[in-house]
Protein backbone atom coordinates (compact mmCIF):
# COMPACT_ATOMS: atom_id res chain seq x y z
CA UNK A 1 -6.80 1.69 25.96
CA UNK A 2 -9.30 -0.42 23.72
CA UNK A 3 -11.64 -2.08 26.30
CA UNK A 4 -13.71 -3.40 23.79
CA UNK A 5 -11.36 -5.00 21.29
CA UNK A 6 -10.05 -8.51 22.04
CA UNK A 7 -8.71 -10.95 19.96
CA UNK A 8 -8.88 -14.76 20.38
CA UNK A 9 -7.52 -17.74 17.82
CA UNK A 10 -10.56 -19.31 17.65
CA UNK A 11 -12.84 -16.24 17.03
CA UNK A 12 -12.95 -14.45 13.33
CA UNK A 13 -9.56 -16.42 12.89
CA UNK A 14 -7.80 -14.53 15.69
CA UNK A 15 -8.27 -11.06 13.97
CA UNK A 16 -9.02 -8.27 16.23
CA UNK A 17 -13.04 -7.99 17.09
CA UNK A 18 -15.55 -5.95 19.18
CA UNK A 19 -15.73 -8.48 22.19
CA UNK A 20 -18.85 -10.83 22.09
CA UNK A 21 -19.45 -10.00 18.50
CA UNK A 22 -17.90 -11.64 15.44
CA UNK A 23 -17.53 -8.12 13.83
CA UNK A 24 -14.02 -7.18 12.75
CA UNK A 25 -11.91 -4.02 13.54
CA UNK A 26 -10.83 -4.58 9.66
CA UNK A 27 -14.64 -4.61 9.17
CA UNK A 28 -15.34 -1.81 10.68
CA UNK A 29 -12.58 0.58 9.06
CA UNK A 30 -13.78 -0.57 5.89
CA UNK A 31 -17.33 0.70 6.52
CA UNK A 32 -16.05 4.08 7.87
CA UNK A 33 -13.21 4.60 5.76
CA UNK A 34 -14.13 2.99 1.94
CA UNK A 35 -17.94 3.17 2.24
CA UNK A 36 -17.79 6.55 4.16
CA UNK A 37 -20.26 5.59 6.92
CA UNK A 38 -20.38 7.60 10.30
CA UNK A 39 -19.94 5.86 13.52
CA UNK A 40 -23.78 6.62 14.23
CA UNK A 41 -24.74 4.87 10.92
CA UNK A 42 -22.46 1.73 11.68
CA UNK A 43 -23.50 1.41 15.40
CA UNK A 44 -27.09 1.66 14.60
CA UNK A 45 -26.67 -0.64 11.84
CA UNK A 46 -25.36 -3.37 13.45
CA UNK A 47 -26.46 -2.98 16.87
CA UNK A 48 -23.32 -1.67 18.24
CA UNK A 49 -22.53 1.26 20.88
CA UNK A 50 -20.63 4.17 19.80
CA UNK A 51 -18.27 3.60 22.28
CA UNK A 52 -17.50 0.33 20.48
CA UNK A 53 -17.26 1.94 17.08
CA UNK A 54 -14.72 4.39 18.31
CA UNK A 55 -12.67 2.02 20.18
CA UNK A 56 -12.31 -0.33 16.84
CA UNK A 57 -11.35 2.49 14.83
CA UNK A 58 -8.78 4.04 17.57
CA UNK A 59 -7.24 0.53 17.57
CA UNK A 60 -7.60 0.19 13.64
CA UNK A 61 -5.28 3.57 13.42
CA UNK A 62 -2.88 2.49 15.73
CA UNK A 63 -2.44 -0.56 14.31
CA UNK A 64 -3.41 0.02 10.67
CA UNK A 65 0.24 -1.27 9.02
CA UNK A 66 -0.32 -4.51 10.94
CA UNK A 67 -4.24 -4.85 10.07
CA UNK A 68 -3.54 -4.30 6.39
CA UNK A 69 -0.69 -6.52 6.04
CA UNK A 70 -3.10 -9.30 7.27
CA UNK A 71 -5.79 -8.49 4.66
CA UNK A 72 -3.40 -8.65 2.12
CA UNK A 73 -2.34 -11.84 3.31
CA UNK A 74 -6.04 -13.34 3.31
CA UNK A 75 -6.44 -11.87 -0.16
CA UNK A 76 -3.58 -13.93 -1.23
CA UNK A 77 -4.79 -16.87 0.29
CA UNK A 78 -8.39 -16.50 -1.32
CA UNK A 79 -6.57 -16.12 -4.74
CA UNK A 80 -4.26 -19.36 -4.57
CA UNK A 81 -7.20 -21.20 -3.37
CA UNK A 82 -9.28 -19.93 -6.89
């Protein structure tokens, strides 16, 4: 159960995000996995709780294939608009 994660078509393009914020699960995963930031660093930097960060990372790892596919589609759209 990921109590802090929600999705709504009218918020951040329908991507899963922290409830009440415009910070996506994908962003948190990027900061943690690719930039090497700890959950503590992310929580401090963006004013989130550790529970929110861990919930987002758990959601990411459970839905990683879908989130990565959406990321690739988003990148393709950006490239086609250039």
